[in-house]
C-alpha atoms as a PDB file:
ATOM      1  CA  MET A   1     248.487  15.103 230.457  1.00  0.00           C
ATOM      2  CA  LEU A   2     244.912  13.967 231.981  1.00  0.00           C
ATOM      3  CA  ASN A   3     246.817  12.698 235.016  1.00  0.00           C
ATOM      4  CA  SER A   4     249.512  15.494 235.080  1.00  0.00           C
ATOM      5  CA  ASP A   5     249.663  17.890 238.055  1.00  0.00           C
ATOM      6  CA  VAL A   6     250.115  20.746 235.568  1.00  0.00           C
ATOM      7  CA  ARG A   7     246.516  20.435 234.277  1.00  0.00           C
ATOM      8  CA  THR A   8     243.845  22.648 235.466  1.00  0.00           C
ATOM      9  CA  LEU A   9     239.985  22.376 235.053  1.00  0.00           C
ATOM     10  CA  ASP A  10     239.686  26.261 235.307  1.00  0.00           C
ATOM     11  CA  PRO A  11     240.498  27.623 231.829  1.00  0.00           C
ATOM     12  CA  TRP A  12     240.827  31.013 233.325  1.00  0.00           C
ATOM     13  CA  GLN A  13     243.835  29.836 235.222  1.00  0.00           C
ATOM     14  CA  ALA A  14     245.509  28.163 232.273  1.00  0.00           C
ATOM     15  CA  ASP A  15     248.877  29.277 230.492  1.00  0.00           C
ATOM     16  CA  PHE A  16     248.273  26.922 227.539  1.00  0.00           C
ATOM     17  CA  PHE A  17     245.525  25.108 225.799  1.00  0.00           C
ATOM     18  CA  PHE A  18     246.081  21.818 224.333  1.00  0.00           C
ATOM     19  CA  VAL A  19     243.876  20.998 221.264  1.00  0.00           C
ATOM     20  CA  PRO A  20     243.706  17.300 220.710  1.00  0.00           C
ATOM     21  CA  VAL A  21     242.958  16.885 217.312  1.00  0.00           C
ATOM     22  CA  TYR A  22     244.934  13.945 215.867  1.00  0.00           C
ATOM     23  CA  VAL A  23     244.711  13.929 212.035  1.00  0.00           C
ATOM     24  CA  SER A  24     246.784  10.759 211.731  1.00  0.00           C
ATOM     25  CA  CYS A  25     244.070   8.614 213.199  1.00  0.00           C
ATOM     26  CA  ASN A  26     242.500   8.349 209.693  1.00  0.00           C
ATOM     27  CA  PHE A  27     244.246   5.631 207.608  1.00  0.00           C
ATOM     28  CA  SER A  28     244.364   4.709 203.986  1.00  0.00           C
ATOM     29  CA  THR A  29     242.238   1.714 203.043  1.00  0.00           C
ATOM     30  CA  VAL A  30     245.098   1.142 200.115  1.00  0.00           C
ATOM     31  CA  ASN A  31     248.264   0.760 201.998  1.00  0.00           C
ATOM     32  CA  GLY A  32     247.234   1.237 205.666  1.00  0.00           C
ATOM     33  CA  PHE A  33     249.468   4.350 206.297  1.00  0.00           C
ATOM     34  CA  PRO A  34     248.072   7.425 208.076  1.00  0.00           C
ATOM     35  CA  ALA A  35     246.030   9.547 205.503  1.00  0.00           C
ATOM     36  CA  ILE A  36     246.619  13.545 206.065  1.00  0.00           C
ATOM     37  CA  GLY A  37     244.898  14.877 203.182  1.00  0.00           C
ATOM     38  CA  HIS A  38     242.037  15.707 205.212  1.00  0.00           C
ATOM     39  CA  ALA A  39     244.071  17.331 207.827  1.00  0.00           C
ATOM     40  CA  ARG A  40     243.743  21.080 207.106  1.00  0.00           C
ATOM     41  CA  PRO A  41     239.684  21.044 207.004  1.00  0.00           C
ATOM     42  CA  LEU A  42     239.654  18.777 210.133  1.00  0.00           C
ATOM     43  CA  LEU A  43     241.930  21.507 212.075  1.00  0.00           C
ATOM     44  CA  ALA A  44     240.263  24.385 210.622  1.00  0.00           C
ATOM     45  CA  SER A  45     236.823  22.933 211.774  1.00  0.00           C
ATOM     46  CA  ALA A  46     238.271  22.607 215.321  1.00  0.00           C
ATOM     47  CA  VAL A  47     239.615  26.078 215.467  1.00  0.00           C
ATOM     48  CA  GLN A  48     236.337  27.184 214.167  1.00  0.00           C
ATOM     49  CA  LEU A  49     234.585  25.369 216.902  1.00  0.00           C
ATOM     50  CA  ILE A  50     236.756  26.702 219.936  1.00  0.00           C
ATOM     51  CA  SER A  51     236.964  30.290 218.528  1.00  0.00           C
ATOM     52  CA  SER A  52     233.373  30.597 218.443  1.00  0.00           C
ATOM     53  CA  GLU A  53     232.429  28.652 221.559  1.00  0.00           C
ATOM     54  CA  PHE A  54     235.153  29.779 223.961  1.00  0.00           C
ATOM     55  CA  PRO A  55     236.741  33.195 224.416  1.00  0.00           C
ATOM     56  CA  PHE A  56     240.483  31.995 224.805  1.00  0.00           C
ATOM     57  CA  TRP A  57     241.456  31.522 221.164  1.00  0.00           C
ATOM     58  CA  ASN A  58     240.453  35.048 220.016  1.00  0.00           C
ATOM     59  CA  ARG A  59     242.087  36.827 222.971  1.00  0.00           C
ATOM     60  CA  SER A  60     245.759  35.587 221.987  1.00  0.00           C
ATOM     61  CA  SER A  61     244.935  34.800 218.217  1.00  0.00           C
ATOM     62  CA  GLY A  62     245.875  31.233 219.278  1.00  0.00           C
ATOM     63  CA  SER A  63     249.366  31.925 220.432  1.00  0.00           C
ATOM     64  CA  ASP A  64     248.805  30.010 223.601  1.00  0.00           C
ATOM     65  CA  HIS A  65     247.231  27.006 221.904  1.00  0.00           C
ATOM     66  CA  VAL A  66     249.224  23.741 221.327  1.00  0.00           C
ATOM     67  CA  PHE A  67     248.824  21.198 218.621  1.00  0.00           C
ATOM     68  CA  VAL A  68     250.370  18.035 217.583  1.00  0.00           C
ATOM     69  CA  ALA A  69     251.643  17.652 214.150  1.00  0.00           C
ATOM     70  CA  SER A  70     253.641  14.250 214.009  1.00  0.00           C
ATOM     71  CA  HIS A  71     253.701  13.931 210.189  1.00  0.00           C
ATOM     72  CA  ASP A  72     256.813  13.993 207.726  1.00  0.00           C
ATOM     73  CA  TYR A  73     256.827  17.880 207.356  1.00  0.00           C
ATOM     74  CA  GLY A  74     255.045  18.732 210.582  1.00  0.00           C
ATOM     75  CA  ALA A  75     252.213  21.424 210.017  1.00  0.00           C
ATOM     76  CA  CYS A  76     252.629  21.364 206.394  1.00  0.00           C
ATOM     77  CA  PHE A  77     250.664  18.022 206.161  1.00  0.00           C
ATOM     78  CA  HIS A  78     252.089  16.388 203.203  1.00  0.00           C
ATOM     79  CA  ALA A  79     254.575  13.640 202.806  1.00  0.00           C
ATOM     80  CA  MET A  80     256.219  15.157 199.744  1.00  0.00           C
ATOM     81  CA  GLU A  81     258.602  17.879 200.693  1.00  0.00           C
ATOM     82  CA  HIS A  82     258.003  19.997 197.353  1.00  0.00           C
ATOM     83  CA  VAL A  83     254.278  19.914 198.084  1.00  0.00           C
ATOM     84  CA  ALA A  84     254.476  20.637 201.807  1.00  0.00           C
ATOM     85  CA  MET A  85     256.710  23.611 201.098  1.00  0.00           C
ATOM     86  CA  ALA A  86     254.271  24.929 198.435  1.00  0.00           C
ATOM     87  CA  ASP A  87     251.227  24.559 200.759  1.00  0.00           C
ATOM     88  CA  GLY A  88     252.837  25.875 203.886  1.00  0.00           C
ATOM     89  CA  ILE A  89     251.527  25.849 207.392  1.00  0.00           C
ATOM     90  CA  PRO A  90     247.823  26.605 207.441  1.00  0.00           C
ATOM     91  CA  GLU A  91     247.248  30.552 208.119  1.00  0.00           C
ATOM     92  CA  PHE A  92     245.134  29.647 211.245  1.00  0.00           C
ATOM     93  CA  LEU A  93     247.962  27.773 212.920  1.00  0.00           C
ATOM     94  CA  LYS A  94     250.958  30.171 212.371  1.00  0.00           C
ATOM     95  CA  LYS A  95     250.589  31.896 215.763  1.00  0.00           C
ATOM     96  CA  SER A  96     250.209  28.712 217.695  1.00  0.00           C
ATOM     97  CA  VAL A  97     252.716  26.284 219.231  1.00  0.00           C
ATOM     98  CA  ILE A  98     253.250  23.149 217.292  1.00  0.00           C
ATOM     99  CA  LEU A  99     254.665  19.916 218.838  1.00  0.00           C
ATOM    100  CA  GLN A 100     256.137  18.375 215.568  1.00  0.00           C
ATOM    101  CA  THR A 101     258.598  15.529 214.914  1.00  0.00           C
ATOM    102  CA  PHE A 102     259.860  17.552 211.778  1.00  0.00           C
ATOM    103  CA  GLY A 103     262.845  19.666 212.584  1.00  0.00           C
ATOM    104  CA  VAL A 104     265.971  21.065 210.692  1.00  0.00           C
ATOM    105  CA  LYS A 105     268.609  23.478 211.491  1.00  0.00           C
ATOM    106  CA  TYR A 106     268.225  25.612 208.248  1.00  0.00           C
ATOM    107  CA  SER A 107     265.288  27.769 207.277  1.00  0.00           C
ATOM    108  CA  HIS A 108     262.218  25.869 206.198  1.00  0.00           C
ATOM    109  CA  PRO A 109     258.499  26.910 205.633  1.00  0.00           C
ATOM    110  CA  CYS A 110     257.247  23.743 207.483  1.00  0.00           C
ATOM    111  CA  GLN A 111     258.898  25.036 210.639  1.00  0.00           C
ATOM    112  CA  ASP A 112     258.063  28.616 210.125  1.00  0.00           C
ATOM    113  CA  VAL A 113     255.814  28.556 213.398  1.00  0.00           C
ATOM    114  CA  GLU A 114     256.750  28.539 217.230  1.00  0.00           C
ATOM    115  CA  ASN A 115     257.524  24.774 217.399  1.00  0.00           C
ATOM    116  CA  VAL A 116     258.809  22.137 219.738  1.00  0.00           C
ATOM    117  CA  VAL A 117     260.604  19.269 218.202  1.00  0.00           C
ATOM    118  CA  ILE A 118     259.411  15.977 219.759  1.00  0.00           C
ATOM    119  CA  PRO A 119     260.477  12.210 219.481  1.00  0.00           C
ATOM    120  CA  PRO A 120     258.208   9.985 217.424  1.00  0.00           C
ATOM    121  CA  TYR A 121     256.090   7.627 219.730  1.00  0.00           C
ATOM    122  CA  VAL A 122     257.512   4.220 220.609  1.00  0.00           C
ATOM    123  CA  SER A 123     255.798   2.304 223.000  1.00  0.00           C
ATOM    124  CA  PRO A 124     257.656   1.899 226.436  1.00  0.00           C
ATOM    125  CA  GLU A 125     255.992  -1.399 227.173  1.00  0.00           C
ATOM    126  CA  LYS A 126     257.251  -2.806 224.046  1.00  0.00           C
ATOM    127  CA  VAL A 127     260.914  -1.511 224.604  1.00  0.00           C
ATOM    128  CA  ARG A 128     260.642  -2.999 228.144  1.00  0.00           C
ATOM    129  CA  SER A 129     259.407  -6.371 226.822  1.00  0.00           C
ATOM    130  CA  THR A 130     262.179  -6.379 224.089  1.00  0.00           C
ATOM    131  CA  LEU A 131     264.902  -5.678 226.743  1.00  0.00           C
ATOM    132  CA  SER A 132     263.762  -8.230 229.140  1.00  0.00           C
ATOM    133  CA  LYS A 133     264.002 -10.927 226.394  1.00  0.00           C
ATOM    134  CA  SER A 134     267.341  -9.677 225.001  1.00  0.00           C
ATOM    135  CA  PRO A 135     270.668 -11.357 225.666  1.00  0.00           C
ATOM    136  CA  ALA A 136     273.054  -9.835 228.228  1.00  0.00           C
ATOM    137  CA  GLU A 137     274.519  -6.574 227.184  1.00  0.00           C
ATOM    138  CA  GLY A 138     277.736  -6.955 225.179  1.00  0.00           C
ATOM    139  CA  ARG A 139     276.664  -9.929 223.225  1.00  0.00           C
ATOM    140  CA  ARG A 140     275.707  -8.105 220.150  1.00  0.00           C
ATOM    141  CA  ASP A 141     276.279 -10.216 216.977  1.00  0.00           C
ATOM    142  CA  ILE A 142     274.948  -7.671 214.320  1.00  0.00           C
ATOM    143  CA  PHE A 143     277.538  -4.990 213.407  1.00  0.00           C
ATOM    144  CA  VAL A 144     275.429  -2.698 211.438  1.00  0.00           C
ATOM    145  CA  PHE A 145     271.492  -2.942 211.260  1.00  0.00           C
ATOM    146  CA  PHE A 146     268.947  -1.470 208.985  1.00  0.00           C
ATOM    147  CA  ARG A 147     265.257  -2.880 208.172  1.00  0.00           C
ATOM    148  CA  GLY A 148     263.256  -0.702 206.016  1.00  0.00           C
ATOM    149  CA  LYS A 149     262.237   0.592 202.625  1.00  0.00           C
ATOM    150  CA  MET A 150     265.297   0.612 200.102  1.00  0.00           C
ATOM    151  CA  GLU A 151     264.428   0.973 196.504  1.00  0.00           C
ATOM    152  CA  VAL A 152     266.307  -1.057 194.035  1.00  0.00           C
ATOM    153  CA  HIS A 153     265.135   1.351 191.494  1.00  0.00           C
ATOM    154  CA  PRO A 154     265.145   4.718 193.453  1.00  0.00           C
ATOM    155  CA  LYS A 155     263.092   6.795 191.269  1.00  0.00           C
ATOM    156  CA  ASN A 156     259.603   6.653 192.901  1.00  0.00           C
ATOM    157  CA  VAL A 157     256.465   6.936 191.159  1.00  0.00           C
ATOM    158  CA  SER A 158     256.206  10.415 192.322  1.00  0.00           C
ATOM    159  CA  GLY A 159     259.057  11.348 190.047  1.00  0.00           C
ATOM    160  CA  ARG A 160     261.188  11.861 193.161  1.00  0.00           C
ATOM    161  CA  PHE A 161     264.171   9.871 194.655  1.00  0.00           C
ATOM    162  CA  TYR A 162     263.100   8.394 197.991  1.00  0.00           C
ATOM    163  CA  SER A 163     265.555   9.051 200.622  1.00  0.00           C
ATOM    164  CA  LYS A 164     267.423  11.274 198.149  1.00  0.00           C
ATOM    165  CA  ARG A 165     268.748   7.947 197.222  1.00  0.00           C
ATOM    166  CA  VAL A 166     270.764   7.295 200.458  1.00  0.00           C
ATOM    167  CA  ARG A 167     268.982   4.113 200.948  1.00  0.00           C
ATOM    168  CA  THR A 168     269.332   2.732 197.636  1.00  0.00           C
ATOM    169  CA  ASP A 169     273.212   3.657 197.785  1.00  0.00           C
ATOM    170  CA  ILE A 170     273.428   1.696 201.276  1.00  0.00           C
ATOM    171  CA  TRP A 171     271.677  -1.341 199.522  1.00  0.00           C
ATOM    172  CA  GLN A 172     273.939  -1.228 196.298  1.00  0.00           C
ATOM    173  CA  LYS A 173     277.176  -0.798 198.193  1.00  0.00           C
ATOM    174  CA  TYR A 174     276.625  -3.121 201.382  1.00  0.00           C
ATOM    175  CA  GLY A 175     273.821  -5.460 200.328  1.00  0.00           C
ATOM    176  CA  GLY A 176     276.377  -8.112 200.006  1.00  0.00           C
ATOM    177  CA  ASP A 177     278.754  -7.173 202.950  1.00  0.00           C
ATOM    178  CA  ARG A 178     278.758  -9.554 205.757  1.00  0.00           C
ATOM    179  CA  ARG A 179     279.024  -6.622 208.322  1.00  0.00           C
ATOM    180  CA  PHE A 180     275.693  -5.259 207.305  1.00  0.00           C
ATOM    181  CA  TYR A 181     272.338  -6.764 208.027  1.00  0.00           C
ATOM    182  CA  LEU A 182     270.197  -5.253 205.620  1.00  0.00           C
ATOM    183  CA  LYS A 183     266.525  -6.211 205.225  1.00  0.00           C
ATOM    184  CA  ARG A 184     264.113  -4.403 202.707  1.00  0.00           C
ATOM    185  CA  HIS A 185     260.656  -6.320 204.249  1.00  0.00           C
ATOM    186  CA  ARG A 186     258.806  -5.522 207.331  1.00  0.00           C
ATOM    187  CA  PHE A 187     259.145  -7.749 210.367  1.00  0.00           C
ATOM    188  CA  PRO A 188     256.929  -7.102 213.580  1.00  0.00           C
ATOM    189  CA  GLY A 189     259.617  -8.197 215.785  1.00  0.00           C
ATOM    190  CA  TYR A 190     262.336  -5.965 214.376  1.00  0.00           C
ATOM    191  CA  GLN A 191     263.034  -4.608 217.820  1.00  0.00           C
ATOM    192  CA  SER A 192     264.764  -7.927 218.683  1.00  0.00           C
ATOM    193  CA  GLU A 193     267.160  -7.341 215.760  1.00  0.00           C
ATOM    194  CA  ILE A 194     268.132  -3.898 217.005  1.00  0.00           C
ATOM    195  CA  VAL A 195     268.900  -5.019 220.590  1.00  0.00           C
ATOM    196  CA  ARG A 196     271.515  -7.413 218.903  1.00  0.00           C
ATOM    197  CA  SER A 197     273.083  -4.632 216.923  1.00  0.00           C
ATOM    198  CA  VAL A 198     276.057  -2.519 217.398  1.00  0.00           C
ATOM    199  CA  PHE A 199     275.240   0.116 214.846  1.00  0.00           C
ATOM    200  CA  CYS A 200     271.479   1.062 213.745  1.00  0.00           C
ATOM    201  CA  LEU A 201     271.403   3.094 210.582  1.00  0.00           C
ATOM    202  CA  CYS A 202     268.748   6.050 210.694  1.00  0.00           C
ATOM    203  CA  PRO A 203     268.732   7.364 207.121  1.00  0.00           C
ATOM    204  CA  LEU A 204     266.119   9.935 205.967  1.00  0.00           C
ATOM    205  CA  GLY A 205     263.139   8.698 204.095  1.00  0.00           C
ATOM    206  CA  TRP A 206     260.929  11.276 202.588  1.00  0.00           C
ATOM    207  CA  ALA A 207     261.573  13.568 205.610  1.00  0.00           C
ATOM    208  CA  PRO A 208     264.726  13.508 207.919  1.00  0.00           C
ATOM    209  CA  TRP A 209     263.373  11.940 210.957  1.00  0.00           C
ATOM    210  CA  SER A 210     262.407   8.485 211.816  1.00  0.00           C
ATOM    211  CA  PRO A 211     261.180   6.412 214.852  1.00  0.00           C
ATOM    212  CA  ARG A 212     264.351   4.396 214.242  1.00  0.00           C
ATOM    213  CA  LEU A 213     266.240   7.006 216.267  1.00  0.00           C
ATOM    214  CA  VAL A 214     264.293   6.447 219.375  1.00  0.00           C
ATOM    215  CA  GLU A 215     264.265   2.767 219.276  1.00  0.00           C
ATOM    216  CA  SER A 216     267.943   2.592 218.813  1.00  0.00           C
ATOM    217  CA  VAL A 217     268.663   4.704 221.621  1.00  0.00           C
ATOM    218  CA  ALA A 218     265.970   2.986 223.874  1.00  0.00           C
ATOM    219  CA  LEU A 219     267.767  -0.547 223.002  1.00  0.00           C
ATOM    220  CA  GLY A 220     271.085   0.447 223.284  1.00  0.00           C
ATOM    221  CA  CYS A 221     272.121   0.453 219.530  1.00  0.00           C
ATOM    222  CA  VAL A 222     274.370   3.274 218.305  1.00  0.00           C
ATOM    223  CA  PRO A 223     272.161   5.352 216.072  1.00  0.00           C
ATOM    224  CA  VAL A 224     273.911   6.390 213.007  1.00  0.00           C
ATOM    225  CA  LEU A 225     272.180   9.525 211.686  1.00  0.00           C
ATOM    226  CA  ILE A 226     272.294  10.042 207.829  1.00  0.00           C
ATOM    227  CA  ALA A 227     269.851  13.233 207.418  1.00  0.00           C
ATOM    228  CA  ASP A 228     271.801  16.413 206.692  1.00  0.00           C
ATOM    229  CA  GLY A 229     270.535  19.267 208.921  1.00  0.00           C
ATOM    230  CA  ILE A 230     268.225  17.255 210.928  1.00  0.00           C
ATOM    231  CA  ARG A 231     267.312  19.100 214.338  1.00  0.00           C
ATOM    232  CA  LEU A 232     266.830  16.505 217.221  1.00  0.00           C
ATOM    233  CA  PRO A 233     264.544  16.396 220.077  1.00  0.00           C
ATOM    234  CA  PHE A 234     265.325  17.890 223.708  1.00  0.00           C
ATOM    235  CA  PRO A 235     268.943  18.607 223.049  1.00  0.00           C
ATOM    236  CA  SER A 236     269.214  19.948 226.586  1.00  0.00           C
ATOM    237  CA  ALA A 237     268.279  16.695 227.883  1.00  0.00           C
ATOM    238  CA  VAL A 238     269.939  14.315 225.351  1.00  0.00           C
ATOM    239  CA  ARG A 239     273.640  14.571 224.686  1.00  0.00           C
ATOM    240  CA  TRP A 240     273.257  13.660 221.072  1.00  0.00           C
ATOM    241  CA  PRO A 241     276.819  14.147 220.226  1.00  0.00           C
ATOM    242  CA  GLU A 242     277.940  11.630 222.796  1.00  0.00           C
ATOM    243  CA  ILE A 243     275.503   8.942 222.151  1.00  0.00           C
ATOM    244  CA  SER A 244     275.278   8.846 218.334  1.00  0.00           C
ATOM    245  CA  LEU A 245     277.138   9.316 215.091  1.00  0.00           C
ATOM    246  CA  THR A 246     276.340  11.624 212.144  1.00  0.00           C
ATOM    247  CA  VAL A 247     277.299  10.694 208.516  1.00  0.00           C
ATOM    248  CA  ALA A 248     276.744  13.228 205.826  1.00  0.00           C
ATOM    249  CA  GLU A 249     274.510  11.849 202.963  1.00  0.00           C
ATOM    250  CA  ARG A 250     277.273  12.304 200.408  1.00  0.00           C
ATOM    251  CA  ASP A 251     279.436   9.996 202.608  1.00  0.00           C
ATOM    252  CA  VAL A 252     277.116   6.996 202.644  1.00  0.00           C
ATOM    253  CA  ARG A 253     279.282   4.851 200.557  1.00  0.00           C
ATOM    254  CA  LYS A 254     281.972   5.274 203.188  1.00  0.00           C
ATOM    255  CA  LEU A 255     279.894   3.902 205.964  1.00  0.00           C
ATOM    256  CA  GLY A 256     281.840   0.669 206.453  1.00  0.00           C
ATOM    257  CA  ASP A 257     285.116   2.570 206.776  1.00  0.00           C
ATOM    258  CA  ILE A 258     283.640   5.222 209.288  1.00  0.00           C
ATOM    259  CA  LEU A 259     281.870   2.431 211.551  1.00  0.00           C
ATOM    260  CA  GLU A 260     285.104   0.206 211.578  1.00  0.00           C
ATOM    261  CA  HIS A 261     286.997   3.237 212.805  1.00  0.00           C
ATOM    262  CA  VAL A 262     284.596   4.073 215.447  1.00  0.00           C
ATOM    263  CA  ALA A 263     284.507   0.565 216.603  1.00  0.00           C
ATOM    264  CA  ALA A 264     288.259   0.584 216.994  1.00  0.00           C
ATOM    265  CA  THR A 265     288.480   3.942 218.936  1.00  0.00           C
ATOM    266  CA  ASN A 266     285.704   5.340 220.979  1.00  0.00           C
ATOM    267  CA  LEU A 267     282.681   2.856 220.572  1.00  0.00           C
ATOM    268  CA  SER A 268     282.906   1.760 224.445  1.00  0.00           C
ATOM    269  CA  ALA A 269     282.562   5.451 225.378  1.00  0.00           C
ATOM    270  CA  ILE A 270     279.627   6.079 223.096  1.00  0.00           C
ATOM    271  CA  GLN A 271     277.808   2.805 224.449  1.00  0.00           C
ATOM    272  CA  LYS A 272     278.548   3.745 228.040  1.00  0.00           C
ATOM    273  CA  ASN A 273     276.836   7.124 227.407  1.00  0.00           C
ATOM    274  CA  LEU A 274     273.956   5.478 225.492  1.00  0.00           C
ATOM    275  CA  TRP A 275     273.047   3.292 228.514  1.00  0.00           C
ATOM    276  CA  ASP A 276     272.365   6.367 230.754  1.00  0.00           C
ATOM    277  CA  SER A 277     268.700   5.643 231.562  1.00  0.00           C
ATOM    278  CA  ARG A 278     267.875   9.399 231.732  1.00  0.00           C
ATOM    279  CA  THR A 279     268.595   9.296 227.947  1.00  0.00           C
ATOM    280  CA  ARG A 280     266.039   6.602 227.328  1.00  0.00           C
ATOM    281  CA  GLN A 281     263.464   8.230 229.632  1.00  0.00           C
ATOM    282  CA  ALA A 282     263.605  11.524 227.895  1.00  0.00           C
ATOM    283  CA  LEU A 283     262.518   9.975 224.575  1.00  0.00           C
ATOM    284  CA  LEU A 284     259.778   7.636 225.609  1.00  0.00           C
ATOM    285  CA  PHE A 285     256.140   8.858 226.411  1.00  0.00           C
ATOM    286  CA  ASN A 286     254.425   7.148 229.297  1.00  0.00           C
ATOM    287  CA  ASP A 287     250.762   6.803 229.963  1.00  0.00           C
ATOM    288  CA  HIS A 288     251.489   8.734 233.302  1.00  0.00           C
ATOM    289  CA  VAL A 289     254.113  11.490 233.265  1.00  0.00           C
ATOM    290  CA  LEU A 290     257.283  10.473 234.837  1.00  0.00           C
ATOM    291  CA  GLU A 291     260.083  12.932 235.782  1.00  0.00           C
ATOM    292  CA  GLY A 292     262.203  13.518 232.848  1.00  0.00           C
ATOM    293  CA  ASP A 293     260.071  11.628 230.331  1.00  0.00           C
ATOM    294  CA  ALA A 294     259.146  12.948 226.935  1.00  0.00           C
ATOM    295  CA  THR A 295     255.938  14.575 228.229  1.00  0.00           C
ATOM    296  CA  TRP A 296     257.903  16.150 231.127  1.00  0.00           C
ATOM    297  CA  GLN A 297     260.331  17.461 228.604  1.00  0.00           C
ATOM    298  CA  VAL A 298     257.454  18.959 226.414  1.00  0.00           C
ATOM    299  CA  LEU A 299     256.039  20.770 229.608  1.00  0.00           C
ATOM    300  CA  ARG A 300     259.411  22.038 230.520  1.00  0.00           C
ATOM    301  CA  THR A 301     259.878  23.448 227.155  1.00  0.00           C
ATOM    302  CA  LEU A 302     256.518  25.242 227.390  1.00  0.00           C
ATOM    303  CA  SER A 303     257.587  26.698 230.647  1.00  0.00           C
ATOM    304  CA  ASP A 304     260.256  28.520 228.591  1.00  0.00           C
ATOM    305  CA  LYS A 305     257.625  29.913 226.491  1.00  0.00           C
ATOM    306  CA  LEU A 306     255.338  31.551 229.076  1.00  0.00           C
ATOM    307  CA  ASP A 307     255.633  34.957 227.353  1.00  0.00           C
ATOM    308  CA  ARG A 308     253.302  33.481 224.717  1.00  0.00           C
ATOM    309  CA  SER A 309     250.554  33.012 227.609  1.00  0.00           C
ATOM    310  CA  HIS A 310     247.788  35.595 227.715  1.00  0.00           C
ATOM    311  CA  ARG A 311     247.496  34.866 231.440  1.00  0.00           C
ATOM    312  CA  SER A 312     251.307  35.468 232.210  1.00  0.00           C
ATOM    313  CA  SER A 313     251.619  38.288 229.575  1.00  0.00           C
ATOM    314  CA  ARG A 314     248.879  40.336 231.814  1.00  0.00           C
ATOM    315  CA  GLY A 315     251.217  40.030 234.744  1.00  0.00           C
ATOM    316  CA  SER A 316     250.143  36.692 236.402  1.00  0.00           C
ATOM    317  CA  GLY A 317     253.665  35.758 237.005  1.00  0.00           C
ATOM    318  CA  SER A 318     256.649  34.352 235.417  1.00  0.00           C
ATOM    319  CA  GLY A 319     260.152  32.804 235.985  1.00  0.00           C
ATOM    320  CA  SER A 320     261.210  30.400 238.472  1.00  0.00           C
ATOM    321  CA  SER A 321     258.017  31.477 240.900  1.00  0.00           C
ATOM    322  CA  HIS A 322     255.456  30.510 238.103  1.00  0.00           C
ATOM    323  CA  PRO A 323     253.497  27.251 239.212  1.00  0.00           C
ATOM    324  CA  LEU A 324     254.172  25.603 235.731  1.00  0.00           C
ATOM    325  CA  VAL A 325     257.819  26.013 236.034  1.00  0.00           C
ATOM    326  CA  GLU A 326     257.845  24.966 239.709  1.00  0.00           C
ATOM    327  CA  SER A 327     255.884  21.753 238.718  1.00  0.00           C
ATOM    328  CA  VAL A 328     258.203  20.531 235.882  1.00  0.00           C
ATOM    329  CA  GLN A 329     261.632  21.940 237.198  1.00  0.00           C
ATOM    330  CA  GLU A 330     261.284  21.500 240.836  1.00  0.00           C
ATOM    331  CA  ARG A 331     258.569  18.675 240.819  1.00  0.00           C
ATOM    332  CA  GLN A 332     256.442  20.309 243.502  1.00  0.00           C
ATOM    333  CA  ARG A 333     253.320  18.119 243.571  1.00  0.00           C
ATOM    334  CA  THR A 334     250.751  20.435 245.305  1.00  0.00           C
ATOM    335  CA  ALA A 335     247.535  22.096 244.470  1.00  0.00           C
ATOM    336  CA  PHE A 336     248.016  24.882 242.061  1.00  0.00           C
ATOM    337  CA  ASP A 337     246.430  28.101 241.868  1.00  0.00           C
ATOM    338  CA  GLY A 338     247.160  28.361 238.225  1.00  0.00           C
ATOM    339  CA  GLY A 339     249.858  28.087 235.530  1.00  0.00           C
ATOM    340  CA  SER A 340     248.618  24.966 234.268  1.00  0.00           C
ATOM    341  CA  VAL A 341     248.162  23.302 230.784  1.00  0.00           C
ATOM    342  CA  THR A 342     244.355  22.740 230.291  1.00  0.00           C
ATOM    343  CA  MET A 343     242.856  20.296 227.958  1.00  0.00           C
ATOM    344  CA  GLN A 344     240.199  21.978 225.636  1.00  0.00           C
ATOM    345  CA  ARG A 345     237.775  19.784 223.826  1.00  0.00           C
END
């Protein structure tokens, strides 16, 4: 956004305020994973700061302020669903806009806020590097691929079943099946395995979403979604039904037959749709905003929420004549007299 045409240095001309607090930058010294136990007080202190030093939060109760919550259950800030649901979204964030990787099609307290489902971050440079080193398209020698946590004894120390036992069922049913390339341990070069694969399994973990989804699409492997009720990012830009498969969690032990059937019928059509460059573009965040990329999609979605803007609600303009909409949807690269996202520090 620092390099985007929709940014303004004049906060009085802004429609939205992006609050750059990234709680996942704190990592656990025990396992190396992001630690989010401090998320609520950290965000509360940020809101306290901007609401006391600037007038913009209070005039709209934060409804035109945008936060990122790229965690298992979004702005509930906990990895375990039952705890996340019990804690809920912090009261001070409930009127704001949350960009979150978590999304489901049914009612859930962790999406009980104005939100935009965004794709998990995957490095575009790493994707390009992997593709440049990959064999010619069509030489995919792995039929079904998955690398990740698959517990042999599924009951976690938390007392809960990881992945609702889906991954354990996959391991138990297909661990010895030559069609399935299943690995339980980490490997830094795993993208080189994705680019060799026909189908890439994307089962739920603690939460339904996973970076595997973006990596699979970006590297031309048909994503197989096993996460009941998942809400996918940018459905207006990505034709998910045409580029992916969805398998119900209860049918996971039928995966072999399901994927063999697809391979014998409409696999080529799915792969053709998957290689549309616009689809890959829509799921990747670039350092400089490109037309149609993930940041561009976020801005376009925000342009549909201009009624939340204090400035727009006071008659500053809306609809197709609004500068934010023009910039995102018509790509007018001109100097703006308003209608911009501003960075608030």
